[in-house]
Amino acid sequence: MRYYELIYIVSSNVERKKNDQAMKEIGEKIQETGSKIINHIVWGKKKLAYPIKNNTYGTYILAHYQGGDNDKLREFDSWLKLSDLTIRHMIVKLDEKPDNEKPDIVESLEGDKSENDTAEKGEDKSPDEESLKKEKNKDEENKEAE
């Protein structure tokens, strides 16, 4: 069996619904080639090494799939190049079957996401705000001591 890894970047300027829609559409196109999707994971928003199509940030998404018809896979690659869904993509043939487990990087991103979610709900303040308040308090204490 042939296994492939697809990593693609979606513009971070779009809403989450658009990212989900892009993932769904790309997943459907992969299945049309006769391939079976093993996993489809959002890595998260990252700063790009250089601007691509006027984007400095992008949402990275990783997909592993089991190969289908070669001609249809070539068509899929061409479709992805012409599609406005992604700003960059890369397909790599793998030597062995990928794990179904989430990579460590995704788990750490999900941990960061849950902390940010609680801060957005007003349940907890972000670490940046807390550290700024602590520094401000220390500055005030030092001024009072003088």
N, C-alpha and C. Protein backbone atom coordinates (compact mmCIF):
# COMPACT_ATOMS: atom_id res chain seq x y z
N MET A 1 0.82 -1.19 0.00
CA MET A 1 0.00 0.00 0.00
C MET A 1 0.86 1.25 0.00
N ARG A 2 0.39 2.28 -0.67
CA ARG A 2 1.08 3.57 -0.68
C ARG A 2 0.38 4.50 0.31
N TYR A 3 1.20 5.22 1.06
CA TYR A 3 0.67 6.19 2.01
C TYR A 3 1.24 7.56 1.69
N TYR A 4 0.41 8.58 1.85
CA TYR A 4 0.81 9.94 1.53
C TYR A 4 0.53 10.86 2.70
N GLU A 5 1.32 11.93 2.75
CA GLU A 5 1.12 12.98 3.73
C GLU A 5 0.93 14.29 2.97
N LEU A 6 -0.13 14.98 3.28
CA LEU A 6 -0.43 16.27 2.67
C LEU A 6 -0.42 17.32 3.77
N ILE A 7 0.40 18.33 3.60
CA ILE A 7 0.35 19.47 4.51
C ILE A 7 0.01 20.69 3.67
N TYR A 8 -0.97 21.44 4.14
CA TYR A 8 -1.36 22.63 3.39
C TYR A 8 -1.60 23.78 4.34
N ILE A 9 -1.49 24.98 3.80
CA ILE A 9 -1.65 26.21 4.57
C ILE A 9 -2.86 26.95 4.05
N VAL A 10 -3.75 27.28 4.96
CA VAL A 10 -4.94 28.07 4.63
C VAL A 10 -4.72 29.46 5.21
N SER A 11 -5.17 30.47 4.52
CA SER A 11 -5.02 31.85 5.00
C SER A 11 -5.61 31.99 6.39
N SER A 12 -4.88 32.63 7.29
CA SER A 12 -5.38 32.81 8.66
C SER A 12 -6.36 33.97 8.74
N ASN A 13 -6.56 34.68 7.65
CA ASN A 13 -7.49 35.81 7.64
C ASN A 13 -8.94 35.37 7.49
N VAL A 14 -9.16 34.09 7.29
CA VAL A 14 -10.53 33.60 7.11
C VAL A 14 -11.07 33.07 8.43
N GLU A 15 -12.38 32.95 8.51
CA GLU A 15 -13.03 32.45 9.71
C GLU A 15 -12.80 30.96 9.87
N ARG A 16 -13.04 30.46 11.07
CA ARG A 16 -12.87 29.04 11.35
C ARG A 16 -13.80 28.19 10.48
N LYS A 17 -14.98 28.70 10.19
CA LYS A 17 -15.93 27.96 9.35
C LYS A 17 -15.33 27.74 7.96
N LYS A 18 -14.61 28.74 7.45
CA LYS A 18 -13.98 28.61 6.13
C LYS A 18 -12.88 27.55 6.18
N ASN A 19 -12.12 27.50 7.28
CA ASN A 19 -11.10 26.46 7.43
C ASN A 19 -11.74 25.08 7.44
N ASP A 20 -12.83 24.94 8.20
CA ASP A 20 -13.54 23.66 8.26
C ASP A 20 -14.08 23.28 6.89
N GLN A 21 -14.58 24.29 6.17
CA GLN A 21 -15.11 24.04 4.82
C GLN A 21 -13.99 23.60 3.88
N ALA A 22 -12.81 24.24 3.99
CA ALA A 22 -11.67 23.86 3.16
C ALA A 22 -11.24 22.43 3.48
N MET A 23 -11.18 22.09 4.78
CA MET A 23 -10.81 20.72 5.17
C MET A 23 -11.80 19.71 4.60
N LYS A 24 -13.09 20.04 4.69
CA LYS A 24 -14.12 19.13 4.19
C LYS A 24 -14.00 18.95 2.68
N GLU A 25 -13.81 20.05 1.96
CA GLU A 25 -13.73 19.98 0.50
C GLU A 25 -12.48 19.21 0.06
N ILE A 26 -11.36 19.47 0.70
CA ILE A 26 -10.12 18.75 0.36
C ILE A 26 -10.26 17.27 0.70
N GLY A 27 -10.88 16.97 1.85
CA GLY A 27 -11.12 15.59 2.22
C GLY A 27 -11.98 14.86 1.20
N GLU A 28 -13.02 15.53 0.72
CA GLU A 28 -13.89 14.93 -0.30
C GLU A 28 -13.12 14.68 -1.60
N LYS A 29 -12.27 15.64 -1.99
CA LYS A 29 -11.48 15.48 -3.21
C LYS A 29 -10.51 14.30 -3.08
N ILE A 30 -9.93 14.14 -1.88
CA ILE A 30 -9.02 13.00 -1.66
C ILE A 30 -9.79 11.70 -1.82
N GLN A 31 -10.99 11.64 -1.26
CA GLN A 31 -11.79 10.41 -1.34
C GLN A 31 -12.25 10.13 -2.77
N GLU A 32 -12.43 11.17 -3.58
CA GLU A 32 -12.81 10.98 -4.99
C GLU A 32 -11.70 10.29 -5.78
N THR A 33 -10.45 10.38 -5.29
CA THR A 33 -9.34 9.72 -5.97
C THR A 33 -9.28 8.23 -5.65
N GLY A 34 -10.18 7.78 -4.78
CA GLY A 34 -10.16 6.38 -4.37
C GLY A 34 -9.27 6.16 -3.15
N SER A 35 -8.83 7.24 -2.53
CA SER A 35 -7.97 7.16 -1.34
C SER A 35 -8.81 7.12 -0.08
N LYS A 36 -8.19 6.61 0.98
CA LYS A 36 -8.85 6.54 2.27
C LYS A 36 -8.10 7.47 3.22
N ILE A 37 -8.81 8.43 3.82
CA ILE A 37 -8.17 9.36 4.75
C ILE A 37 -7.92 8.66 6.07
N ILE A 38 -6.67 8.73 6.54
CA ILE A 38 -6.29 8.13 7.81
C ILE A 38 -6.50 9.13 8.94
N ASN A 39 -6.03 10.36 8.76
CA ASN A 39 -6.30 11.42 9.72
C ASN A 39 -6.20 12.77 9.04
N HIS A 40 -6.83 13.76 9.64
CA HIS A 40 -6.88 15.12 9.10
C HIS A 40 -6.82 16.05 10.32
N ILE A 41 -5.68 16.69 10.54
CA ILE A 41 -5.41 17.40 11.79
C ILE A 41 -5.06 18.85 11.53
N VAL A 42 -5.62 19.74 12.33
CA VAL A 42 -5.26 21.16 12.27
C VAL A 42 -4.08 21.37 13.21
N TRP A 43 -2.96 21.84 12.67
CA TRP A 43 -1.79 22.13 13.49
C TRP A 43 -1.91 23.47 14.17
N GLY A 44 -2.61 24.40 13.57
CA GLY A 44 -2.81 25.70 14.18
C GLY A 44 -2.23 26.83 13.36
N LYS A 45 -2.40 28.03 13.90
CA LYS A 45 -1.94 29.24 13.22
C LYS A 45 -0.46 29.48 13.52
N LYS A 46 0.31 29.70 12.48
CA LYS A 46 1.77 29.91 12.62
C LYS A 46 2.19 31.08 11.75
N LYS A 47 3.29 31.71 12.13
CA LYS A 47 3.88 32.77 11.33
C LYS A 47 4.64 32.12 10.18
N LEU A 48 4.43 32.65 8.98
CA LEU A 48 5.11 32.14 7.80
C LEU A 48 6.54 32.67 7.74
N ALA A 49 7.43 31.92 7.15
CA ALA A 49 8.82 32.34 7.03
C ALA A 49 8.95 33.58 6.14
N TYR A 50 8.07 33.69 5.17
CA TYR A 50 8.03 34.85 4.28
C TYR A 50 6.58 35.04 3.83
N PRO A 51 6.21 36.26 3.46
CA PRO A 51 4.82 36.49 3.03
C PRO A 51 4.46 35.70 1.78
N ILE A 52 3.29 35.08 1.81
CA ILE A 52 2.77 34.34 0.67
C ILE A 52 1.41 34.93 0.34
N LYS A 53 1.27 35.45 -0.87
CA LYS A 53 0.01 36.07 -1.30
C LYS A 53 -0.49 37.08 -0.26
N ASN A 54 0.42 37.92 0.20
CA ASN A 54 0.14 38.98 1.18
C ASN A 54 -0.30 38.46 2.54
N ASN A 55 0.03 37.20 2.88
CA ASN A 55 -0.27 36.63 4.18
C ASN A 55 1.03 36.46 4.95
N THR A 56 1.04 36.89 6.21
CA THR A 56 2.22 36.66 7.05
C THR A 56 1.97 35.53 8.05
N TYR A 57 0.70 35.15 8.23
CA TYR A 57 0.33 34.03 9.09
C TYR A 57 -0.53 33.07 8.27
N GLY A 58 -0.51 31.80 8.68
CA GLY A 58 -1.33 30.82 8.00
C GLY A 58 -1.72 29.71 8.96
N THR A 59 -2.83 29.04 8.68
CA THR A 59 -3.27 27.90 9.47
C THR A 59 -2.79 26.63 8.78
N TYR A 60 -1.95 25.86 9.48
CA TYR A 60 -1.38 24.64 8.92
C TYR A 60 -2.31 23.46 9.21
N ILE A 61 -2.52 22.64 8.18
CA ILE A 61 -3.38 21.47 8.32
C ILE A 61 -2.66 20.27 7.70
N LEU A 62 -2.67 19.16 8.43
CA LEU A 62 -1.98 17.94 8.01
C LEU A 62 -2.99 16.84 7.74
N ALA A 63 -2.81 16.13 6.64
CA ALA A 63 -3.67 15.00 6.30
C ALA A 63 -2.81 13.82 5.89
N HIS A 64 -3.15 12.64 6.38
CA HIS A 64 -2.52 11.39 5.93
C HIS A 64 -3.61 10.59 5.22
N TYR A 65 -3.22 9.97 4.11
CA TYR A 65 -4.19 9.15 3.41
C TYR A 65 -3.51 7.99 2.70
N GLN A 66 -4.32 6.96 2.48
CA GLN A 66 -3.86 5.75 1.80
C GLN A 66 -4.14 5.92 0.32
N GLY A 67 -3.12 5.67 -0.51
CA GLY A 67 -3.17 5.98 -1.94
C GLY A 67 -4.29 5.33 -2.71
N GLY A 68 -4.71 6.02 -3.74
CA GLY A 68 -5.73 5.54 -4.66
C GLY A 68 -5.17 5.49 -6.07
N ASP A 69 -5.97 5.89 -7.03
CA ASP A 69 -5.60 5.89 -8.45
C ASP A 69 -4.56 6.99 -8.72
N ASN A 70 -3.43 6.62 -9.31
CA ASN A 70 -2.34 7.58 -9.56
C ASN A 70 -2.76 8.75 -10.44
N ASP A 71 -3.51 8.49 -11.50
CA ASP A 71 -3.94 9.57 -12.38
C ASP A 71 -4.84 10.55 -11.64
N LYS A 72 -5.74 10.02 -10.83
CA LYS A 72 -6.63 10.89 -10.07
C LYS A 72 -5.85 11.66 -9.00
N LEU A 73 -4.80 11.06 -8.42
CA LEU A 73 -3.97 11.76 -7.44
C LEU A 73 -3.23 12.92 -8.09
N ARG A 74 -2.76 12.71 -9.34
CA ARG A 74 -2.11 13.81 -10.06
C ARG A 74 -3.11 14.94 -10.34
N GLU A 75 -4.34 14.57 -10.70
CA GLU A 75 -5.38 15.56 -10.92
C GLU A 75 -5.68 16.32 -9.62
N PHE A 76 -5.70 15.60 -8.51
CA PHE A 76 -5.93 16.23 -7.21
C PHE A 76 -4.85 17.25 -6.90
N ASP A 77 -3.59 16.89 -7.16
CA ASP A 77 -2.48 17.80 -6.93
C ASP A 77 -2.63 19.06 -7.80
N SER A 78 -2.98 18.88 -9.06
CA SER A 78 -3.20 20.01 -9.95
C SER A 78 -4.37 20.87 -9.48
N TRP A 79 -5.45 20.23 -9.04
CA TRP A 79 -6.61 20.96 -8.53
C TRP A 79 -6.22 21.80 -7.32
N LEU A 80 -5.40 21.22 -6.44
CA LEU A 80 -4.97 21.93 -5.23
C LEU A 80 -4.09 23.13 -5.57
N LYS A 81 -3.26 22.99 -6.61
CA LYS A 81 -2.42 24.12 -7.04
C LYS A 81 -3.26 25.27 -7.55
N LEU A 82 -4.34 24.96 -8.26
CA LEU A 82 -5.19 25.98 -8.87
C LEU A 82 -6.25 26.51 -7.91
N SER A 83 -6.51 25.77 -6.85
CA SER A 83 -7.57 26.12 -5.92
C SER A 83 -7.21 27.35 -5.08
N ASP A 84 -8.23 28.13 -4.74
CA ASP A 84 -8.03 29.28 -3.86
C ASP A 84 -8.16 28.88 -2.39
N LEU A 85 -8.41 27.61 -2.12
CA LEU A 85 -8.58 27.17 -0.73
C LEU A 85 -7.27 27.26 0.06
N THR A 86 -6.16 26.97 -0.61
CA THR A 86 -4.87 26.94 0.09
C THR A 86 -3.93 27.99 -0.49
N ILE A 87 -2.96 28.41 0.36
CA ILE A 87 -1.94 29.31 -0.16
C ILE A 87 -0.66 28.56 -0.49
N ARG A 88 -0.46 27.39 0.10
CA ARG A 88 0.65 26.49 -0.24
C ARG A 88 0.27 25.07 0.18
N HIS A 89 0.83 24.09 -0.51
CA HIS A 89 0.64 22.70 -0.11
C HIS A 89 1.85 21.87 -0.52
N MET A 90 1.98 20.71 0.11
CA MET A 90 3.05 19.78 -0.24
C MET A 90 2.55 18.36 0.03
N ILE A 91 2.75 17.48 -0.94
CA ILE A 91 2.37 16.07 -0.81
C ILE A 91 3.65 15.24 -0.84
N VAL A 92 3.77 14.35 0.15
CA VAL A 92 4.96 13.51 0.27
C VAL A 92 4.52 12.05 0.38
N LYS A 93 5.20 11.16 -0.34
CA LYS A 93 4.92 9.73 -0.22
C LYS A 93 5.67 9.21 1.00
N LEU A 94 4.97 8.45 1.84
CA LEU A 94 5.55 7.92 3.07
C LEU A 94 6.02 6.49 2.86
N ASP A 95 7.06 6.09 3.61
CA ASP A 95 7.58 4.73 3.51
C ASP A 95 6.73 3.72 4.26
N GLU A 96 6.10 4.17 5.35
CA GLU A 96 5.29 3.26 6.15
C GLU A 96 3.99 3.93 6.57
N LYS A 97 3.07 3.14 7.10
CA LYS A 97 1.76 3.66 7.50
C LYS A 97 1.91 4.65 8.66
N PRO A 98 1.28 5.82 8.55
CA PRO A 98 1.36 6.80 9.64
C PRO A 98 0.49 6.37 10.82
N ASP A 99 0.84 6.88 12.01
CA ASP A 99 0.06 6.59 13.20
C ASP A 99 -1.26 7.35 13.16
N ASN A 100 -2.26 6.78 13.83
CA ASN A 100 -3.53 7.48 13.96
C ASN A 100 -3.51 8.47 15.10
N GLU A 101 -2.46 8.41 15.92
CA GLU A 101 -2.36 9.29 17.08
C GLU A 101 -2.04 10.71 16.65
N LYS A 102 -2.46 11.66 17.48
CA LYS A 102 -2.15 13.06 17.21
C LYS A 102 -0.69 13.32 17.56
N PRO A 103 0.01 14.07 16.74
CA PRO A 103 1.39 14.42 17.07
C PRO A 103 1.45 15.29 18.33
N ASP A 104 2.62 15.31 18.99
CA ASP A 104 2.81 16.09 20.21
C ASP A 104 2.51 17.56 19.99
N ILE A 105 2.87 18.08 18.83
CA ILE A 105 2.67 19.51 18.56
C ILE A 105 1.19 19.87 18.60
N VAL A 106 0.32 18.98 18.13
CA VAL A 106 -1.11 19.26 18.12
C VAL A 106 -1.65 19.25 19.54
N GLU A 107 -1.19 18.30 20.36
CA GLU A 107 -1.64 18.23 21.74
C GLU A 107 -1.24 19.48 22.50
N SER A 108 -0.03 19.99 22.25
CA SER A 108 0.39 21.20 22.94
C SER A 108 -0.42 22.40 22.46
N LEU A 109 -0.77 22.44 21.18
CA LEU A 109 -1.61 23.53 20.67
C LEU A 109 -2.99 23.47 21.28
N GLU A 110 -3.53 22.26 21.47
CA GLU A 110 -4.85 22.14 22.07
C GLU A 110 -4.81 22.59 23.52
N GLY A 111 -3.72 22.32 24.22
CA GLY A 111 -3.57 22.78 25.59
C GLY A 111 -3.55 24.29 25.65
N ASP A 112 -2.83 24.93 24.74
CA ASP A 112 -2.79 26.38 24.67
C ASP A 112 -4.17 26.93 24.34
N LYS A 113 -4.88 26.24 23.47
CA LYS A 113 -6.19 26.68 23.03
C LYS A 113 -7.17 26.67 24.20
N SER A 114 -7.11 25.63 25.06
CA SER A 114 -8.04 25.55 26.17
C SER A 114 -7.77 26.65 27.18
N GLU A 115 -6.50 27.03 27.38
CA GLU A 115 -6.18 28.13 28.28
C GLU A 115 -6.73 29.43 27.73
N ASN A 116 -6.60 29.64 26.43
CA ASN A 116 -7.10 30.86 25.81
C ASN A 116 -8.62 30.90 25.84
N ASP A 117 -9.27 29.74 25.69
CA ASP A 117 -10.72 29.71 25.70
C ASP A 117 -11.26 30.17 27.05
N THR A 118 -10.64 29.73 28.15
CA THR A 118 -11.11 30.14 29.47
C THR A 118 -10.88 31.63 29.68
N ALA A 119 -9.81 32.15 29.14
CA ALA A 119 -9.53 33.59 29.28
C ALA A 119 -10.55 34.40 28.51
N GLU A 120 -10.96 33.90 27.35
CA GLU A 120 -11.94 34.62 26.55
C GLU A 120 -13.29 34.64 27.22
N LYS A 121 -13.62 33.60 27.98
CA LYS A 121 -14.90 33.54 28.66
C LYS A 121 -14.92 34.41 29.91
N GLY A 122 -13.78 34.96 30.30
CA GLY A 122 -13.73 35.81 31.47
C GLY A 122 -13.52 35.03 32.74
N GLU A 123 -13.30 33.73 32.65
CA GLU A 123 -13.10 32.91 33.82
C GLU A 123 -11.71 33.11 34.42
N ASP A 124 -10.76 33.41 33.57
CA ASP A 124 -9.38 33.56 34.02
C ASP A 124 -8.71 34.59 33.14
N LYS A 125 -7.76 35.31 33.68
CA LYS A 125 -7.06 36.31 32.88
C LYS A 125 -5.87 35.65 32.21
N SER A 126 -5.49 36.19 31.07
CA SER A 126 -4.36 35.62 30.34
C SER A 126 -3.08 35.83 31.13
N PRO A 127 -2.08 34.95 30.98
CA PRO A 127 -0.82 35.07 31.70
C PRO A 127 -0.11 36.39 31.42
N ASP A 128 -0.29 36.94 30.22
CA ASP A 128 0.36 38.19 29.90
C ASP A 128 -0.16 39.33 30.77
N GLU A 129 -1.47 39.37 30.97
CA GLU A 129 -2.05 40.43 31.79
C GLU A 129 -1.59 40.29 33.23
N GLU A 130 -1.56 39.04 33.72
CA GLU A 130 -1.13 38.82 35.10
C GLU A 130 0.32 39.22 35.30
N SER A 131 1.18 38.84 34.39
CA SER A 131 2.59 39.18 34.53
C SER A 131 2.80 40.69 34.45
N LEU A 132 2.03 41.37 33.61
CA LEU A 132 2.12 42.83 33.53
C LEU A 132 1.69 43.48 34.83
N LYS A 133 0.63 42.97 35.45
CA LYS A 133 0.18 43.52 36.72
C LYS A 133 1.22 43.29 37.81
N LYS A 134 1.84 42.11 37.83
CA LYS A 134 2.86 41.81 38.83
C LYS A 134 4.05 42.75 38.67
N GLU A 135 4.47 42.96 37.43
CA GLU A 135 5.59 43.87 37.19
C GLU A 135 5.23 45.29 37.61
N LYS A 136 4.02 45.70 37.33
CA LYS A 136 3.58 47.04 37.71
C LYS A 136 3.58 47.20 39.23
N ASN A 137 3.09 46.17 39.93
CA ASN A 137 3.08 46.20 41.40
C ASN A 137 4.49 46.25 41.96
N LYS A 138 5.41 45.50 41.37
CA LYS A 138 6.80 45.52 41.83
C LYS A 138 7.42 46.90 41.63
N ASP A 139 7.12 47.52 40.49
CA ASP A 139 7.62 48.87 40.22
C ASP A 139 7.09 49.86 41.25
N GLU A 140 5.81 49.76 41.57
CA GLU A 140 5.20 50.65 42.56
C GLU A 140 5.83 50.44 43.92
N GLU A 141 6.07 49.17 44.30
CA GLU A 141 6.69 48.86 45.60
C GLU A 141 8.10 49.43 45.66
N ASN A 142 8.85 49.32 44.56
CA ASN A 142 10.20 49.86 44.54
C ASN A 142 10.20 51.38 44.67
N LYS A 143 9.24 52.05 44.06
CA LYS A 143 9.15 53.51 44.16
C LYS A 143 8.82 53.93 45.59
N GLU A 144 7.91 53.15 46.23
CA GLU A 144 7.54 53.46 47.61
C GLU A 144 8.70 53.23 48.57
N ALA A 145 9.51 52.21 48.30
CA ALA A 145 10.66 51.91 49.15
C ALA A 145 11.71 53.00 49.08
N GLU A 146 11.81 53.67 47.96
CA GLU A 146 12.81 54.73 47.78
C GLU A 146 12.34 55.92 48.52
